Amino acid sequence: MHVDLQRISATEKLHMKVPLHFEGGDVAPGVKIDGGIVTHLMTDVDITCLPKDLPEFLTVDLSALNINESVHLSNIKLPEGVSITSLAHGGDDLAVGAVTTIRVVEEVAPVVAAPAEGEAAAAAPAEGEAKPGEVKAGEAKKGEAPKAEAKKGEAPKKEAPKKEGK
């Protein structure tokens, strides 16, 4: 277990991150009527307040959201004496939660056309070519060495005799 202790003053404001609790997402019109889904864009927010005003969490109300609408930092109801640090320093009013549509992606299988009569004849092996599973003349079968074949008008090539050393 790990514990960090920090000395604070009751009169000085402090910066703390507090969690956001989202409520009303299941009854929002964008979810119930339009079939959208709730998206939490932030889980916590940095606040500035006196130690006596420090809330345990901040509540974000999503119950009024329609499809493609969002709740921003400025829409969060804050307890008295609490301010959101980024808004107090002129930062952007970022979205905290939203109701979005569900995107369905359909995969379309590629269409393969059947070959026409002329194409089917072209796809068949030409005369002298090996059909699948056959071996052409002069080619080696699996595991055999290729045989040397002479062209017309040429004598078959012979290997040079091996010399034996003394």
N, C-alpha and C. Protein backbone atom coordinates (compact mmCIF):
# COMPACT_ATOMS: atom_id res chain seq x y z
N MET A 1 0.84 -1.16 0.00
CA MET A 1 0.00 0.00 0.00
C MET A 1 0.89 1.24 0.00
N HIS A 2 0.42 2.27 -0.71
CA HIS A 2 1.19 3.49 -0.85
C HIS A 2 0.32 4.68 -0.45
N VAL A 3 0.85 5.57 0.35
CA VAL A 3 0.11 6.75 0.80
C VAL A 3 0.98 7.98 0.57
N ASP A 4 0.40 8.98 -0.10
CA ASP A 4 1.08 10.27 -0.27
C ASP A 4 0.40 11.27 0.64
N LEU A 5 1.17 11.91 1.49
CA LEU A 5 0.62 12.93 2.38
C LEU A 5 1.04 14.30 1.87
N GLN A 6 0.12 15.25 1.97
CA GLN A 6 0.39 16.59 1.48
C GLN A 6 -0.13 17.59 2.50
N ARG A 7 0.69 18.56 2.84
CA ARG A 7 0.28 19.59 3.79
C ARG A 7 -0.49 20.67 3.02
N ILE A 8 -1.67 20.99 3.51
CA ILE A 8 -2.48 22.02 2.87
C ILE A 8 -2.86 23.07 3.90
N SER A 9 -3.25 24.22 3.38
CA SER A 9 -3.71 25.31 4.24
C SER A 9 -5.20 25.49 3.99
N ALA A 10 -5.95 25.74 5.02
CA ALA A 10 -7.39 25.93 4.89
C ALA A 10 -7.75 27.22 4.16
N THR A 11 -6.78 28.13 4.02
CA THR A 11 -7.05 29.41 3.37
C THR A 11 -6.51 29.49 1.93
N GLU A 12 -5.78 28.48 1.49
CA GLU A 12 -5.21 28.49 0.14
C GLU A 12 -5.97 27.52 -0.76
N LYS A 13 -6.24 27.97 -2.00
CA LYS A 13 -6.93 27.11 -2.96
C LYS A 13 -5.96 26.04 -3.44
N LEU A 14 -6.52 24.88 -3.76
CA LEU A 14 -5.69 23.78 -4.27
C LEU A 14 -6.27 23.26 -5.58
N HIS A 15 -5.40 22.61 -6.33
CA HIS A 15 -5.78 22.00 -7.61
C HIS A 15 -5.87 20.49 -7.39
N MET A 16 -7.00 19.93 -7.76
CA MET A 16 -7.18 18.47 -7.62
C MET A 16 -7.95 17.96 -8.83
N LYS A 17 -7.68 16.71 -9.18
CA LYS A 17 -8.49 16.04 -10.20
C LYS A 17 -9.58 15.28 -9.47
N VAL A 18 -10.81 15.48 -9.92
CA VAL A 18 -11.94 14.75 -9.33
C VAL A 18 -12.63 13.97 -10.45
N PRO A 19 -13.15 12.80 -10.12
CA PRO A 19 -13.81 11.98 -11.13
C PRO A 19 -15.16 12.56 -11.55
N LEU A 20 -15.58 12.21 -12.76
CA LEU A 20 -16.88 12.60 -13.27
C LEU A 20 -17.82 11.41 -13.19
N HIS A 21 -19.02 11.62 -12.69
CA HIS A 21 -20.05 10.59 -12.65
C HIS A 21 -21.13 10.99 -13.65
N PHE A 22 -21.37 10.11 -14.63
CA PHE A 22 -22.34 10.39 -15.68
C PHE A 22 -23.70 9.80 -15.30
N GLU A 23 -24.76 10.63 -15.41
CA GLU A 23 -26.11 10.19 -15.08
C GLU A 23 -27.06 10.52 -16.23
N GLY A 24 -28.11 9.72 -16.38
CA GLY A 24 -29.16 10.00 -17.34
C GLY A 24 -28.87 9.57 -18.77
N GLY A 25 -27.79 8.89 -18.99
CA GLY A 25 -27.46 8.46 -20.35
C GLY A 25 -28.45 7.44 -20.91
N ASP A 26 -29.02 6.61 -20.04
CA ASP A 26 -29.95 5.57 -20.50
C ASP A 26 -31.32 6.14 -20.85
N VAL A 27 -31.67 7.33 -20.38
CA VAL A 27 -32.97 7.93 -20.68
C VAL A 27 -32.87 9.10 -21.65
N ALA A 28 -31.67 9.38 -22.16
CA ALA A 28 -31.49 10.48 -23.11
C ALA A 28 -32.24 10.16 -24.40
N PRO A 29 -32.93 11.17 -24.99
CA PRO A 29 -33.67 10.92 -26.23
C PRO A 29 -32.80 10.39 -27.37
N GLY A 30 -31.56 10.80 -27.42
CA GLY A 30 -30.66 10.31 -28.46
C GLY A 30 -30.37 8.83 -28.34
N VAL A 31 -30.48 8.29 -27.12
CA VAL A 31 -30.25 6.86 -26.89
C VAL A 31 -31.56 6.10 -27.02
N LYS A 32 -32.58 6.56 -26.32
CA LYS A 32 -33.86 5.85 -26.27
C LYS A 32 -34.62 5.87 -27.59
N ILE A 33 -34.68 7.01 -28.23
CA ILE A 33 -35.47 7.15 -29.45
C ILE A 33 -34.64 6.87 -30.71
N ASP A 34 -33.44 7.47 -30.79
CA ASP A 34 -32.63 7.39 -32.01
C ASP A 34 -31.65 6.23 -32.03
N GLY A 35 -31.50 5.52 -30.92
CA GLY A 35 -30.61 4.35 -30.89
C GLY A 35 -29.13 4.68 -30.83
N GLY A 36 -28.78 5.86 -30.34
CA GLY A 36 -27.37 6.23 -30.22
C GLY A 36 -26.73 5.60 -28.99
N ILE A 37 -25.44 5.86 -28.81
CA ILE A 37 -24.72 5.35 -27.65
C ILE A 37 -24.05 6.53 -26.93
N VAL A 38 -23.89 6.38 -25.63
CA VAL A 38 -23.24 7.41 -24.82
C VAL A 38 -21.73 7.19 -24.88
N THR A 39 -21.01 8.27 -25.11
CA THR A 39 -19.55 8.23 -25.15
C THR A 39 -19.01 9.15 -24.07
N HIS A 40 -18.17 8.62 -23.19
CA HIS A 40 -17.53 9.43 -22.16
C HIS A 40 -16.19 9.90 -22.70
N LEU A 41 -16.05 11.18 -22.91
CA LEU A 41 -14.83 11.73 -23.49
C LEU A 41 -13.80 12.10 -22.44
N MET A 42 -14.23 12.29 -21.19
CA MET A 42 -13.34 12.56 -20.06
C MET A 42 -13.80 11.73 -18.88
N THR A 43 -12.87 11.35 -18.04
CA THR A 43 -13.23 10.59 -16.83
C THR A 43 -13.02 11.41 -15.57
N ASP A 44 -12.17 12.43 -15.67
CA ASP A 44 -11.96 13.30 -14.52
C ASP A 44 -11.63 14.71 -15.02
N VAL A 45 -11.67 15.66 -14.11
CA VAL A 45 -11.41 17.04 -14.47
C VAL A 45 -10.64 17.71 -13.33
N ASP A 46 -9.76 18.65 -13.69
CA ASP A 46 -8.96 19.38 -12.70
C ASP A 46 -9.76 20.58 -12.21
N ILE A 47 -9.91 20.68 -10.90
CA ILE A 47 -10.67 21.80 -10.31
C ILE A 47 -9.78 22.59 -9.35
N THR A 48 -10.23 23.78 -9.05
CA THR A 48 -9.56 24.65 -8.08
C THR A 48 -10.60 25.05 -7.03
N CYS A 49 -10.24 24.84 -5.76
CA CYS A 49 -11.16 25.22 -4.67
C CYS A 49 -10.41 25.19 -3.34
N LEU A 50 -11.08 25.69 -2.32
CA LEU A 50 -10.55 25.58 -0.96
C LEU A 50 -10.76 24.15 -0.47
N PRO A 51 -9.94 23.67 0.43
CA PRO A 51 -10.08 22.29 0.91
C PRO A 51 -11.47 21.97 1.46
N LYS A 52 -12.13 22.94 2.10
CA LYS A 52 -13.46 22.67 2.67
C LYS A 52 -14.54 22.48 1.59
N ASP A 53 -14.28 22.98 0.35
CA ASP A 53 -15.25 22.90 -0.74
C ASP A 53 -14.97 21.73 -1.70
N LEU A 54 -13.94 20.96 -1.44
CA LEU A 54 -13.52 19.89 -2.35
C LEU A 54 -14.61 18.81 -2.46
N PRO A 55 -15.18 18.62 -3.67
CA PRO A 55 -16.19 17.58 -3.84
C PRO A 55 -15.53 16.22 -4.07
N GLU A 56 -16.28 15.15 -3.75
CA GLU A 56 -15.78 13.80 -3.98
C GLU A 56 -15.81 13.48 -5.47
N PHE A 57 -16.84 13.98 -6.18
CA PHE A 57 -16.98 13.79 -7.63
C PHE A 57 -17.87 14.89 -8.17
N LEU A 58 -17.90 15.04 -9.48
CA LEU A 58 -18.81 15.97 -10.15
C LEU A 58 -19.79 15.16 -10.99
N THR A 59 -21.05 15.57 -10.97
CA THR A 59 -22.10 14.86 -11.70
C THR A 59 -22.34 15.53 -13.05
N VAL A 60 -22.36 14.69 -14.11
CA VAL A 60 -22.63 15.18 -15.46
C VAL A 60 -23.98 14.61 -15.88
N ASP A 61 -24.94 15.49 -16.20
CA ASP A 61 -26.29 15.06 -16.58
C ASP A 61 -26.37 14.93 -18.10
N LEU A 62 -26.63 13.71 -18.58
CA LEU A 62 -26.74 13.45 -20.01
C LEU A 62 -28.20 13.24 -20.44
N SER A 63 -29.16 13.40 -19.54
CA SER A 63 -30.55 13.03 -19.81
C SER A 63 -31.24 13.87 -20.89
N ALA A 64 -30.74 15.02 -21.24
CA ALA A 64 -31.38 15.88 -22.24
C ALA A 64 -30.71 15.80 -23.61
N LEU A 65 -29.71 14.94 -23.78
CA LEU A 65 -28.95 14.92 -25.03
C LEU A 65 -29.68 14.17 -26.15
N ASN A 66 -29.72 14.80 -27.32
CA ASN A 66 -30.20 14.14 -28.52
C ASN A 66 -29.01 13.57 -29.27
N ILE A 67 -29.27 12.91 -30.37
CA ILE A 67 -28.20 12.29 -31.15
C ILE A 67 -27.23 13.39 -31.64
N ASN A 68 -25.94 13.11 -31.59
CA ASN A 68 -24.85 14.01 -32.02
C ASN A 68 -24.78 15.30 -31.20
N GLU A 69 -25.21 15.26 -29.96
CA GLU A 69 -25.06 16.39 -29.05
C GLU A 69 -24.09 16.00 -27.94
N SER A 70 -23.51 17.01 -27.29
CA SER A 70 -22.54 16.73 -26.24
C SER A 70 -22.68 17.70 -25.07
N VAL A 71 -22.11 17.30 -23.94
CA VAL A 71 -22.06 18.14 -22.74
C VAL A 71 -20.62 18.64 -22.63
N HIS A 72 -20.47 19.94 -22.40
CA HIS A 72 -19.14 20.54 -22.30
C HIS A 72 -18.81 20.87 -20.84
N LEU A 73 -17.56 21.23 -20.60
CA LEU A 73 -17.12 21.58 -19.25
C LEU A 73 -17.98 22.69 -18.64
N SER A 74 -18.36 23.66 -19.45
CA SER A 74 -19.15 24.78 -18.95
C SER A 74 -20.57 24.36 -18.54
N ASN A 75 -21.03 23.19 -19.00
CA ASN A 75 -22.38 22.71 -18.67
C ASN A 75 -22.44 21.95 -17.35
N ILE A 76 -21.31 21.65 -16.74
CA ILE A 76 -21.28 20.89 -15.48
C ILE A 76 -21.66 21.81 -14.34
N LYS A 77 -22.62 21.36 -13.53
CA LYS A 77 -23.02 22.15 -12.35
C LYS A 77 -21.98 21.94 -11.27
N LEU A 78 -21.40 23.05 -10.82
CA LEU A 78 -20.32 23.00 -9.82
C LEU A 78 -20.84 23.45 -8.45
N PRO A 79 -20.34 22.84 -7.39
CA PRO A 79 -20.69 23.33 -6.05
C PRO A 79 -20.13 24.73 -5.84
N GLU A 80 -20.64 25.43 -4.86
CA GLU A 80 -20.20 26.79 -4.58
C GLU A 80 -18.72 26.78 -4.17
N GLY A 81 -17.94 27.70 -4.75
CA GLY A 81 -16.53 27.82 -4.41
C GLY A 81 -15.61 26.95 -5.25
N VAL A 82 -16.18 26.18 -6.18
CA VAL A 82 -15.39 25.27 -7.03
C VAL A 82 -15.38 25.82 -8.46
N SER A 83 -14.20 25.80 -9.10
CA SER A 83 -14.11 26.21 -10.50
C SER A 83 -13.25 25.20 -11.26
N ILE A 84 -13.54 25.07 -12.53
CA ILE A 84 -12.74 24.18 -13.39
C ILE A 84 -11.51 24.96 -13.80
N THR A 85 -10.34 24.41 -13.52
CA THR A 85 -9.07 25.11 -13.70
C THR A 85 -8.87 25.58 -15.14
N SER A 86 -9.10 24.71 -16.12
CA SER A 86 -8.83 25.09 -17.51
C SER A 86 -9.73 26.22 -17.98
N LEU A 87 -11.00 26.24 -17.54
CA LEU A 87 -11.91 27.32 -17.93
C LEU A 87 -11.53 28.63 -17.24
N ALA A 88 -11.07 28.55 -15.99
CA ALA A 88 -10.68 29.74 -15.24
C ALA A 88 -9.46 30.41 -15.86
N HIS A 89 -8.63 29.64 -16.54
CA HIS A 89 -7.41 30.19 -17.16
C HIS A 89 -7.58 30.43 -18.65
N GLY A 90 -8.83 30.45 -19.13
CA GLY A 90 -9.09 30.78 -20.54
C GLY A 90 -8.90 29.61 -21.49
N GLY A 91 -8.97 28.39 -21.00
CA GLY A 91 -8.82 27.21 -21.87
C GLY A 91 -10.07 26.92 -22.67
N ASP A 92 -10.00 25.92 -23.50
CA ASP A 92 -11.12 25.53 -24.35
C ASP A 92 -12.22 24.87 -23.54
N ASP A 93 -13.43 25.06 -24.00
CA ASP A 93 -14.60 24.43 -23.37
C ASP A 93 -14.77 23.04 -24.02
N LEU A 94 -14.02 22.08 -23.52
CA LEU A 94 -13.98 20.75 -24.12
C LEU A 94 -15.24 19.95 -23.82
N ALA A 95 -15.54 19.02 -24.73
CA ALA A 95 -16.68 18.12 -24.54
C ALA A 95 -16.31 17.06 -23.50
N VAL A 96 -17.27 16.72 -22.66
CA VAL A 96 -17.06 15.76 -21.57
C VAL A 96 -17.73 14.43 -21.90
N GLY A 97 -18.92 14.49 -22.48
CA GLY A 97 -19.68 13.30 -22.84
C GLY A 97 -20.57 13.63 -24.03
N ALA A 98 -20.94 12.60 -24.82
CA ALA A 98 -21.74 12.83 -26.01
C ALA A 98 -22.61 11.62 -26.30
N VAL A 99 -23.63 11.84 -27.11
CA VAL A 99 -24.45 10.75 -27.64
C VAL A 99 -24.17 10.71 -29.13
N THR A 100 -23.65 9.60 -29.61
CA THR A 100 -23.28 9.46 -31.01
C THR A 100 -24.02 8.30 -31.64
N THR A 101 -23.99 8.26 -32.97
CA THR A 101 -24.65 7.18 -33.70
C THR A 101 -23.72 5.98 -33.77
N ILE A 102 -24.33 4.85 -33.95
CA ILE A 102 -23.56 3.62 -34.13
C ILE A 102 -23.29 3.48 -35.62
N ARG A 103 -22.03 3.36 -35.98
CA ARG A 103 -21.66 3.24 -37.38
C ARG A 103 -21.55 1.76 -37.73
N VAL A 104 -22.33 1.33 -38.72
CA VAL A 104 -22.30 -0.07 -39.16
C VAL A 104 -21.54 -0.12 -40.47
N VAL A 105 -20.52 -0.96 -40.52
CA VAL A 105 -19.72 -1.11 -41.72
C VAL A 105 -20.03 -2.48 -42.30
N GLU A 106 -20.55 -2.49 -43.53
CA GLU A 106 -20.84 -3.76 -44.19
C GLU A 106 -19.70 -4.10 -45.13
N GLU A 107 -19.24 -5.35 -45.04
CA GLU A 107 -18.20 -5.79 -45.94
C GLU A 107 -18.85 -6.47 -47.13
N VAL A 108 -18.47 -6.05 -48.31
CA VAL A 108 -19.03 -6.61 -49.54
C VAL A 108 -17.99 -7.54 -50.14
N ALA A 109 -18.40 -8.79 -50.41
CA ALA A 109 -17.49 -9.76 -51.01
C ALA A 109 -17.26 -9.37 -52.47
N PRO A 110 -16.01 -9.49 -52.97
CA PRO A 110 -15.74 -9.15 -54.36
C PRO A 110 -16.49 -10.09 -55.30
N VAL A 111 -17.04 -9.52 -56.38
CA VAL A 111 -17.79 -10.30 -57.35
C VAL A 111 -16.82 -10.86 -58.37
N VAL A 112 -16.85 -12.18 -58.55
CA VAL A 112 -15.98 -12.84 -59.53
C VAL A 112 -16.87 -13.33 -60.66
N ALA A 113 -16.64 -12.82 -61.88
CA ALA A 113 -17.45 -13.20 -63.03
C ALA A 113 -16.99 -14.55 -63.57
N ALA A 114 -17.93 -15.35 -64.03
CA ALA A 114 -17.58 -16.64 -64.65
C ALA A 114 -16.95 -16.35 -66.01
N PRO A 115 -15.89 -17.10 -66.41
CA PRO A 115 -15.24 -16.83 -67.69
C PRO A 115 -16.17 -17.16 -68.86
N ALA A 116 -16.10 -16.33 -69.91
CA ALA A 116 -16.88 -16.57 -71.12
C ALA A 116 -16.28 -17.75 -71.86
N GLU A 117 -16.96 -18.23 -72.92
CA GLU A 117 -16.50 -19.42 -73.65
C GLU A 117 -15.10 -19.23 -74.23
N GLY A 118 -14.83 -18.09 -74.82
CA GLY A 118 -13.50 -17.84 -75.41
C GLY A 118 -12.42 -17.76 -74.34
N GLU A 119 -12.76 -17.21 -73.19
CA GLU A 119 -11.81 -17.10 -72.10
C GLU A 119 -11.51 -18.45 -71.47
N ALA A 120 -12.51 -19.34 -71.45
CA ALA A 120 -12.32 -20.66 -70.87
C ALA A 120 -11.32 -21.45 -71.69
N ALA A 121 -11.36 -21.32 -73.02
CA ALA A 121 -10.42 -22.02 -73.89
C ALA A 121 -9.02 -21.45 -73.70
N ALA A 122 -8.91 -20.15 -73.50
CA ALA A 122 -7.60 -19.52 -73.29
C ALA A 122 -7.01 -19.93 -71.95
N ALA A 123 -7.86 -20.21 -70.97
CA ALA A 123 -7.39 -20.59 -69.65
C ALA A 123 -6.89 -22.03 -69.63
N ALA A 124 -7.33 -22.88 -70.58
CA ALA A 124 -6.88 -24.27 -70.64
C ALA A 124 -5.43 -24.29 -71.10
N PRO A 125 -4.61 -25.24 -70.62
CA PRO A 125 -3.21 -25.27 -71.03
C PRO A 125 -3.07 -25.56 -72.52
N ALA A 126 -2.15 -24.86 -73.16
CA ALA A 126 -1.89 -25.04 -74.60
C ALA A 126 -1.20 -26.38 -74.81
N GLU A 127 -1.18 -26.82 -76.09
CA GLU A 127 -0.57 -28.11 -76.42
C GLU A 127 0.91 -28.06 -76.08
N GLY A 128 1.40 -29.07 -75.44
CA GLY A 128 2.80 -29.13 -75.04
C GLY A 128 3.03 -28.63 -73.62
N GLU A 129 2.06 -27.92 -73.08
CA GLU A 129 2.18 -27.47 -71.69
C GLU A 129 1.65 -28.55 -70.76
N ALA A 130 2.17 -28.56 -69.56
CA ALA A 130 1.74 -29.56 -68.59
C ALA A 130 0.44 -29.12 -67.96
N LYS A 131 -0.44 -30.08 -67.75
CA LYS A 131 -1.67 -29.82 -67.01
C LYS A 131 -1.30 -29.84 -65.54
N PRO A 132 -2.14 -29.31 -64.69
CA PRO A 132 -1.81 -29.34 -63.26
C PRO A 132 -1.60 -30.77 -62.77
N GLY A 133 -0.49 -31.01 -62.09
CA GLY A 133 -0.18 -32.33 -61.55
C GLY A 133 0.69 -33.14 -62.49
N GLU A 134 0.86 -32.73 -63.76
CA GLU A 134 1.72 -33.46 -64.70
C GLU A 134 3.07 -32.77 -64.77
N VAL A 135 4.04 -33.51 -65.30
CA VAL A 135 5.38 -32.96 -65.46
C VAL A 135 5.69 -32.93 -66.94
N LYS A 136 6.16 -31.77 -67.45
CA LYS A 136 6.51 -31.66 -68.86
C LYS A 136 7.81 -32.43 -69.13
N ALA A 137 8.01 -32.76 -70.39
CA ALA A 137 9.23 -33.47 -70.78
C ALA A 137 10.44 -32.59 -70.47
N GLY A 138 11.47 -33.17 -69.93
CA GLY A 138 12.69 -32.45 -69.60
C GLY A 138 12.66 -31.83 -68.21
N GLU A 139 11.50 -31.78 -67.56
CA GLU A 139 11.43 -31.25 -66.21
C GLU A 139 11.58 -32.38 -65.22
N ALA A 140 12.04 -32.05 -64.06
CA ALA A 140 12.25 -33.07 -63.04
C ALA A 140 11.01 -33.19 -62.18
N LYS A 141 10.75 -34.41 -61.72
CA LYS A 141 9.70 -34.62 -60.74
C LYS A 141 10.26 -34.20 -59.40
N LYS A 142 9.39 -34.09 -58.41
CA LYS A 142 9.83 -33.71 -57.07
C LYS A 142 10.89 -34.67 -56.57
N GLY A 143 12.03 -34.14 -56.11
CA GLY A 143 13.07 -34.98 -55.53
C GLY A 143 14.08 -35.48 -56.56
N GLU A 144 13.86 -35.30 -57.87
CA GLU A 144 14.80 -35.75 -58.90
C GLU A 144 15.56 -34.56 -59.46
N ALA A 145 16.74 -34.84 -60.01
CA ALA A 145 17.53 -33.80 -60.65
C ALA A 145 17.00 -33.59 -62.06
N PRO A 146 17.03 -32.37 -62.59
CA PRO A 146 16.52 -32.14 -63.94
C PRO A 146 17.38 -32.85 -64.98
N LYS A 147 16.75 -33.35 -66.04
CA LYS A 147 17.47 -34.05 -67.11
C LYS A 147 17.83 -33.04 -68.18
N ALA A 148 19.04 -33.18 -68.74
CA ALA A 148 19.49 -32.30 -69.81
C ALA A 148 18.89 -32.81 -71.10
N GLU A 149 18.33 -31.92 -71.90
CA GLU A 149 17.70 -32.31 -73.15
C GLU A 149 18.34 -31.52 -74.27
N ALA A 150 18.66 -32.18 -75.38
CA ALA A 150 19.31 -31.53 -76.49
C ALA A 150 18.26 -30.90 -77.39
N LYS A 151 18.61 -29.75 -77.97
CA LYS A 151 17.73 -29.09 -78.92
C LYS A 151 17.93 -29.76 -80.27
N LYS A 152 17.02 -29.50 -81.21
CA LYS A 152 17.14 -30.09 -82.55
C LYS A 152 18.43 -29.65 -83.20
N GLY A 153 19.14 -30.61 -83.78
CA GLY A 153 20.38 -30.30 -84.49
C GLY A 153 21.60 -30.24 -83.60
N GLU A 154 21.48 -30.41 -82.30
CA GLU A 154 22.62 -30.37 -81.39
C GLU A 154 22.84 -31.75 -80.80
N ALA A 155 24.08 -32.03 -80.53
CA ALA A 155 24.40 -33.29 -79.85
C ALA A 155 24.18 -33.09 -78.36
N PRO A 156 23.77 -34.15 -77.66
CA PRO A 156 23.58 -34.01 -76.22
C PRO A 156 24.89 -33.62 -75.53
N LYS A 157 24.80 -32.75 -74.54
CA LYS A 157 25.99 -32.30 -73.80
C LYS A 157 26.40 -33.39 -72.84
N LYS A 158 27.69 -33.58 -72.77
CA LYS A 158 28.24 -34.58 -71.87
C LYS A 158 29.03 -33.88 -70.79
N GLU A 159 29.14 -34.53 -69.67
CA GLU A 159 29.93 -33.96 -68.59
C GLU A 159 31.40 -34.23 -68.85
N ALA A 160 32.23 -33.31 -68.42
CA ALA A 160 33.67 -33.49 -68.58
C ALA A 160 34.13 -34.59 -67.63
N PRO A 161 35.09 -35.42 -68.09
CA PRO A 161 35.59 -36.50 -67.21
C PRO A 161 36.26 -35.90 -65.97
N LYS A 162 36.10 -36.57 -64.87
CA LYS A 162 36.72 -36.13 -63.63
C LYS A 162 38.15 -36.60 -63.56
N LYS A 163 39.01 -35.72 -63.10
CA LYS A 163 40.43 -36.08 -62.96
C LYS A 163 40.66 -36.62 -61.58
N GLU A 164 41.44 -37.62 -61.52
CA GLU A 164 41.79 -38.18 -60.22
C GLU A 164 43.18 -37.72 -59.85
N GLY A 165 43.35 -37.29 -58.67
CA GLY A 165 44.66 -36.81 -58.21
C GLY A 165 45.49 -37.97 -57.65
N LYS A 166 46.82 -37.87 -57.78
CA LYS A 166 47.70 -38.92 -57.27
C LYS A 166 48.20 -38.57 -55.94
